[in-house]
N, C-alpha and C. Protein backbone atom coordinates (compact mmCIF):
# COMPACT_ATOMS: atom_id res chain seq x y z
N MET A 1 34.65 -14.30 2.55
CA MET A 1 34.67 -12.89 2.20
C MET A 1 33.76 -12.06 3.09
N LEU A 2 32.59 -12.59 3.39
CA LEU A 2 31.66 -11.84 4.22
C LEU A 2 32.21 -11.63 5.62
N ALA A 3 32.88 -12.64 6.16
CA ALA A 3 33.48 -12.50 7.49
C ALA A 3 34.58 -11.44 7.46
N LYS A 4 35.34 -11.39 6.39
CA LYS A 4 36.38 -10.38 6.26
C LYS A 4 35.80 -8.97 6.23
N LEU A 5 34.55 -8.86 5.76
CA LEU A 5 33.87 -7.57 5.71
C LEU A 5 33.17 -7.26 7.04
N GLY A 6 33.38 -8.11 8.05
CA GLY A 6 32.81 -7.87 9.37
C GLY A 6 31.41 -8.40 9.56
N LYS A 7 30.97 -9.26 8.66
CA LYS A 7 29.61 -9.82 8.76
C LYS A 7 29.64 -11.09 9.60
N GLN A 8 28.66 -11.24 10.47
CA GLN A 8 28.47 -12.48 11.19
C GLN A 8 27.41 -13.26 10.42
N VAL A 9 27.81 -14.40 9.87
CA VAL A 9 26.96 -15.16 8.96
C VAL A 9 26.45 -16.42 9.65
N GLU A 10 25.14 -16.63 9.57
CA GLU A 10 24.52 -17.84 10.08
C GLU A 10 24.12 -18.70 8.88
N PHE A 11 24.67 -19.91 8.80
CA PHE A 11 24.30 -20.82 7.73
C PHE A 11 22.99 -21.50 8.11
N LEU A 12 22.03 -21.47 7.23
CA LEU A 12 20.71 -22.02 7.50
C LEU A 12 20.65 -23.48 7.07
N PRO A 13 19.85 -24.30 7.75
CA PRO A 13 19.78 -25.73 7.40
C PRO A 13 19.13 -25.94 6.04
N GLU A 14 19.61 -26.96 5.35
CA GLU A 14 19.01 -27.35 4.07
C GLU A 14 17.75 -28.14 4.35
N ASN A 15 16.85 -28.16 3.39
CA ASN A 15 15.62 -28.92 3.59
C ASN A 15 15.69 -30.31 2.95
N GLY A 16 16.84 -30.67 2.37
CA GLY A 16 17.00 -31.99 1.78
C GLY A 16 16.59 -32.08 0.33
N LYS A 17 15.91 -31.07 -0.18
CA LYS A 17 15.45 -31.09 -1.56
C LYS A 17 16.28 -30.17 -2.45
N GLY A 18 17.11 -29.31 -1.85
CA GLY A 18 17.93 -28.40 -2.64
C GLY A 18 17.26 -27.08 -2.95
N LYS A 19 15.98 -26.98 -2.65
CA LYS A 19 15.25 -25.73 -2.90
C LYS A 19 14.30 -25.47 -1.74
N GLY A 20 13.89 -24.25 -1.61
CA GLY A 20 12.86 -23.95 -0.64
C GLY A 20 13.30 -23.15 0.56
N VAL A 21 14.60 -23.08 0.83
CA VAL A 21 15.06 -22.29 1.96
C VAL A 21 16.29 -21.47 1.55
N PRO A 22 16.46 -20.30 2.14
CA PRO A 22 17.66 -19.50 1.87
C PRO A 22 18.92 -20.20 2.39
N ASP A 23 20.07 -19.74 1.95
CA ASP A 23 21.34 -20.34 2.34
C ASP A 23 21.90 -19.80 3.64
N VAL A 24 21.85 -18.47 3.83
CA VAL A 24 22.45 -17.85 5.00
C VAL A 24 21.59 -16.69 5.50
N ARG A 25 21.93 -16.25 6.74
CA ARG A 25 21.29 -15.06 7.29
C ARG A 25 22.40 -14.14 7.81
N PHE A 26 22.35 -12.88 7.41
CA PHE A 26 23.20 -11.84 8.00
C PHE A 26 22.54 -10.51 7.74
N ASP A 27 22.91 -9.51 8.52
CA ASP A 27 22.30 -8.18 8.46
C ASP A 27 20.78 -8.27 8.61
N ASN A 28 20.31 -9.20 9.47
CA ASN A 28 18.88 -9.37 9.75
C ASN A 28 18.05 -9.70 8.52
N ALA A 29 18.66 -10.36 7.54
CA ALA A 29 17.94 -10.75 6.33
C ALA A 29 18.44 -12.11 5.86
N THR A 30 17.58 -12.82 5.12
CA THR A 30 17.98 -14.09 4.55
C THR A 30 18.52 -13.88 3.14
N TRP A 31 19.48 -14.72 2.77
CA TRP A 31 20.18 -14.59 1.50
C TRP A 31 20.29 -15.94 0.81
N ASP A 32 20.08 -15.93 -0.48
CA ASP A 32 20.39 -17.07 -1.33
C ASP A 32 21.66 -16.68 -2.07
N ILE A 33 22.66 -17.56 -2.09
CA ILE A 33 23.94 -17.23 -2.71
C ILE A 33 24.19 -18.19 -3.87
N LYS A 34 24.52 -17.63 -5.02
CA LYS A 34 24.74 -18.42 -6.22
C LYS A 34 26.09 -18.07 -6.85
N SER A 35 26.86 -19.09 -7.16
CA SER A 35 28.08 -18.91 -7.93
C SER A 35 27.71 -19.01 -9.40
N ILE A 36 28.10 -18.03 -10.18
CA ILE A 36 27.66 -17.98 -11.58
C ILE A 36 28.83 -17.94 -12.56
N ASN A 37 29.92 -18.58 -12.21
CA ASN A 37 31.09 -18.55 -13.08
C ASN A 37 30.80 -19.03 -14.49
N LYS A 38 29.96 -20.05 -14.63
CA LYS A 38 29.66 -20.61 -15.95
C LYS A 38 28.22 -20.35 -16.40
N ALA A 39 27.50 -19.54 -15.66
CA ALA A 39 26.09 -19.30 -15.96
C ALA A 39 25.91 -18.26 -17.06
N ASN A 40 24.87 -18.45 -17.86
CA ASN A 40 24.50 -17.44 -18.84
C ASN A 40 23.28 -16.67 -18.32
N GLU A 41 22.81 -15.71 -19.08
CA GLU A 41 21.71 -14.86 -18.63
C GLU A 41 20.45 -15.67 -18.33
N SER A 42 20.17 -16.67 -19.14
CA SER A 42 18.98 -17.50 -18.92
C SER A 42 19.05 -18.25 -17.59
N THR A 43 20.21 -18.78 -17.28
CA THR A 43 20.40 -19.49 -16.01
C THR A 43 20.28 -18.53 -14.83
N ILE A 44 20.82 -17.35 -14.97
CA ILE A 44 20.74 -16.35 -13.91
C ILE A 44 19.29 -15.94 -13.67
N ARG A 45 18.51 -15.83 -14.74
CA ARG A 45 17.08 -15.52 -14.58
C ARG A 45 16.38 -16.60 -13.77
N ALA A 46 16.71 -17.86 -14.04
CA ALA A 46 16.11 -18.97 -13.27
C ALA A 46 16.53 -18.90 -11.81
N TYR A 47 17.78 -18.54 -11.56
CA TYR A 47 18.25 -18.39 -10.18
C TYR A 47 17.49 -17.28 -9.46
N ILE A 48 17.23 -16.17 -10.14
CA ILE A 48 16.47 -15.07 -9.53
C ILE A 48 15.08 -15.55 -9.16
N LYS A 49 14.45 -16.26 -10.07
CA LYS A 49 13.10 -16.78 -9.82
C LYS A 49 13.12 -17.75 -8.63
N ASP A 50 14.11 -18.64 -8.56
CA ASP A 50 14.22 -19.60 -7.45
C ASP A 50 14.53 -18.92 -6.12
N ALA A 51 15.18 -17.77 -6.16
CA ALA A 51 15.61 -17.09 -4.94
C ALA A 51 14.49 -16.31 -4.26
N ARG A 52 13.28 -16.39 -4.76
CA ARG A 52 12.17 -15.64 -4.17
C ARG A 52 11.89 -16.05 -2.73
N LYS A 53 12.42 -17.18 -2.29
CA LYS A 53 12.24 -17.64 -0.91
C LYS A 53 13.06 -16.83 0.08
N ALA A 54 14.02 -16.06 -0.42
CA ALA A 54 14.92 -15.26 0.42
C ALA A 54 14.62 -13.78 0.26
N ASP A 55 15.11 -12.99 1.22
CA ASP A 55 14.97 -11.54 1.11
C ASP A 55 15.89 -10.99 0.02
N ASN A 56 17.05 -11.62 -0.13
CA ASN A 56 18.07 -11.14 -1.07
C ASN A 56 18.70 -12.32 -1.79
N VAL A 57 19.22 -12.05 -2.97
CA VAL A 57 20.05 -13.04 -3.67
C VAL A 57 21.38 -12.37 -4.01
N MET A 58 22.46 -13.12 -3.79
CA MET A 58 23.79 -12.62 -4.09
C MET A 58 24.41 -13.52 -5.14
N PHE A 59 24.85 -12.92 -6.22
CA PHE A 59 25.55 -13.66 -7.27
C PHE A 59 27.03 -13.38 -7.14
N TYR A 60 27.83 -14.45 -7.22
CA TYR A 60 29.27 -14.32 -7.13
C TYR A 60 29.91 -14.92 -8.38
N ALA A 61 30.89 -14.23 -8.92
CA ALA A 61 31.63 -14.75 -10.07
C ALA A 61 33.07 -14.29 -9.99
N GLU A 62 33.97 -15.15 -10.44
CA GLU A 62 35.38 -14.80 -10.48
C GLU A 62 35.71 -13.93 -11.69
N SER A 63 34.82 -13.93 -12.66
CA SER A 63 34.99 -13.07 -13.83
C SER A 63 33.84 -12.07 -13.85
N ASP A 64 33.90 -11.11 -14.73
CA ASP A 64 32.90 -10.05 -14.78
C ASP A 64 31.59 -10.57 -15.38
N LYS A 65 30.59 -10.73 -14.55
CA LYS A 65 29.26 -11.16 -14.97
C LYS A 65 28.21 -10.08 -14.70
N TYR A 66 28.68 -8.89 -14.37
CA TYR A 66 27.79 -7.80 -13.99
C TYR A 66 26.70 -7.57 -15.04
N ASN A 67 27.06 -7.48 -16.32
CA ASN A 67 26.07 -7.19 -17.36
C ASN A 67 25.07 -8.33 -17.52
N ASP A 68 25.53 -9.59 -17.39
CA ASP A 68 24.59 -10.71 -17.48
C ASP A 68 23.57 -10.66 -16.35
N VAL A 69 24.04 -10.37 -15.13
CA VAL A 69 23.13 -10.29 -13.99
C VAL A 69 22.18 -9.11 -14.17
N LEU A 70 22.70 -7.97 -14.58
CA LEU A 70 21.86 -6.79 -14.77
C LEU A 70 20.78 -7.04 -15.82
N ASN A 71 21.15 -7.64 -16.94
CA ASN A 71 20.16 -7.96 -17.99
C ASN A 71 19.12 -8.94 -17.48
N ALA A 72 19.55 -9.94 -16.71
CA ALA A 72 18.60 -10.91 -16.16
C ALA A 72 17.63 -10.24 -15.20
N VAL A 73 18.12 -9.33 -14.36
CA VAL A 73 17.26 -8.61 -13.42
C VAL A 73 16.24 -7.76 -14.17
N ILE A 74 16.68 -7.07 -15.19
CA ILE A 74 15.77 -6.22 -15.97
C ILE A 74 14.67 -7.07 -16.60
N ARG A 75 15.03 -8.19 -17.18
CA ARG A 75 14.03 -9.05 -17.85
C ARG A 75 13.08 -9.68 -16.84
N GLU A 76 13.61 -10.19 -15.72
CA GLU A 76 12.74 -10.81 -14.72
C GLU A 76 11.83 -9.78 -14.05
N SER A 77 12.34 -8.59 -13.78
CA SER A 77 11.48 -7.57 -13.16
C SER A 77 10.36 -7.17 -14.12
N GLY A 78 10.66 -7.11 -15.40
CA GLY A 78 9.61 -6.81 -16.38
C GLY A 78 8.57 -7.90 -16.44
N ARG A 79 9.02 -9.14 -16.40
CA ARG A 79 8.09 -10.28 -16.45
C ARG A 79 7.21 -10.29 -15.21
N PHE A 80 7.79 -10.11 -14.04
CA PHE A 80 7.00 -10.12 -12.80
C PHE A 80 6.11 -8.89 -12.69
N ARG A 81 6.56 -7.76 -13.21
CA ARG A 81 5.71 -6.56 -13.23
C ARG A 81 4.46 -6.83 -14.06
N GLY A 82 4.64 -7.48 -15.21
CA GLY A 82 3.51 -7.80 -16.07
C GLY A 82 2.50 -8.74 -15.42
N MET A 83 2.97 -9.59 -14.52
CA MET A 83 2.09 -10.51 -13.81
C MET A 83 1.51 -9.89 -12.54
N GLY A 84 1.95 -8.66 -12.21
CA GLY A 84 1.48 -8.01 -10.99
C GLY A 84 2.08 -8.62 -9.74
N ARG A 85 3.26 -9.24 -9.86
CA ARG A 85 3.88 -9.93 -8.73
C ARG A 85 5.30 -9.42 -8.48
N LEU A 86 5.56 -8.18 -8.80
CA LEU A 86 6.89 -7.61 -8.69
C LEU A 86 7.44 -7.69 -7.26
N SER A 87 6.58 -7.59 -6.27
CA SER A 87 7.02 -7.61 -4.87
C SER A 87 7.60 -8.96 -4.45
N GLU A 88 7.40 -10.01 -5.25
CA GLU A 88 7.93 -11.33 -4.93
C GLU A 88 9.43 -11.44 -5.16
N LEU A 89 9.98 -10.58 -6.01
CA LEU A 89 11.40 -10.69 -6.33
C LEU A 89 12.26 -10.25 -5.15
N PRO A 90 13.37 -10.94 -4.93
CA PRO A 90 14.29 -10.53 -3.87
C PRO A 90 15.13 -9.34 -4.33
N ASP A 91 15.77 -8.67 -3.40
CA ASP A 91 16.79 -7.68 -3.77
C ASP A 91 17.96 -8.46 -4.36
N VAL A 92 18.58 -7.92 -5.41
CA VAL A 92 19.62 -8.65 -6.13
C VAL A 92 20.95 -7.90 -6.01
N TYR A 93 21.97 -8.65 -5.59
CA TYR A 93 23.32 -8.13 -5.44
C TYR A 93 24.28 -8.96 -6.28
N CYS A 94 25.38 -8.34 -6.66
CA CYS A 94 26.44 -9.04 -7.37
C CYS A 94 27.75 -8.74 -6.64
N MET A 95 28.50 -9.81 -6.31
CA MET A 95 29.79 -9.65 -5.64
C MET A 95 30.89 -10.10 -6.60
N ASP A 96 31.90 -9.28 -6.74
CA ASP A 96 33.01 -9.65 -7.61
C ASP A 96 34.13 -10.30 -6.80
N GLU A 97 35.18 -10.70 -7.49
CA GLU A 97 36.27 -11.43 -6.83
C GLU A 97 37.01 -10.60 -5.78
N SER A 98 36.87 -9.29 -5.82
CA SER A 98 37.52 -8.44 -4.81
C SER A 98 36.64 -8.25 -3.57
N GLY A 99 35.42 -8.79 -3.57
CA GLY A 99 34.55 -8.71 -2.41
C GLY A 99 33.62 -7.52 -2.41
N ILE A 100 33.57 -6.77 -3.50
CA ILE A 100 32.68 -5.61 -3.57
C ILE A 100 31.27 -6.10 -3.90
N LEU A 101 30.32 -5.72 -3.06
CA LEU A 101 28.93 -6.12 -3.21
C LEU A 101 28.15 -4.95 -3.82
N LYS A 102 27.58 -5.17 -5.00
CA LYS A 102 26.84 -4.12 -5.70
C LYS A 102 25.35 -4.46 -5.72
N LEU A 103 24.53 -3.50 -5.33
CA LEU A 103 23.09 -3.66 -5.38
C LEU A 103 22.62 -3.39 -6.80
N LEU A 104 21.91 -4.37 -7.39
CA LEU A 104 21.41 -4.20 -8.76
C LEU A 104 19.91 -4.02 -8.82
N TRP A 105 19.19 -4.52 -7.82
CA TRP A 105 17.73 -4.42 -7.82
C TRP A 105 17.25 -4.35 -6.39
N LYS A 106 16.40 -3.38 -6.12
CA LYS A 106 15.82 -3.20 -4.78
C LYS A 106 14.31 -3.09 -4.95
N LYS A 107 13.58 -3.90 -4.20
CA LYS A 107 12.11 -3.81 -4.31
C LYS A 107 11.56 -2.64 -3.56
């Protein structure tokens, strides 16, 4: 989908542990990409927390998960704000099955 949108995507190497590095680089930024077809809000919150290693996190779902992602972002931003670590959160995007990328959180 990203290539169809004219993006040149660089896949980044895995570190062998499954965590610790972003998945791809495009638009001069690193991205962690998560498929959330079966994820609930709690799982999405954990994904946001894990994605702090990247500049951005993109959630993709074949069904409408916009509200779950938005609620997770609101709760995680509140939690990190309370700890004084709000700047650690990545920018959060949600992509639907039609390829539309929506920005939900910007630091």
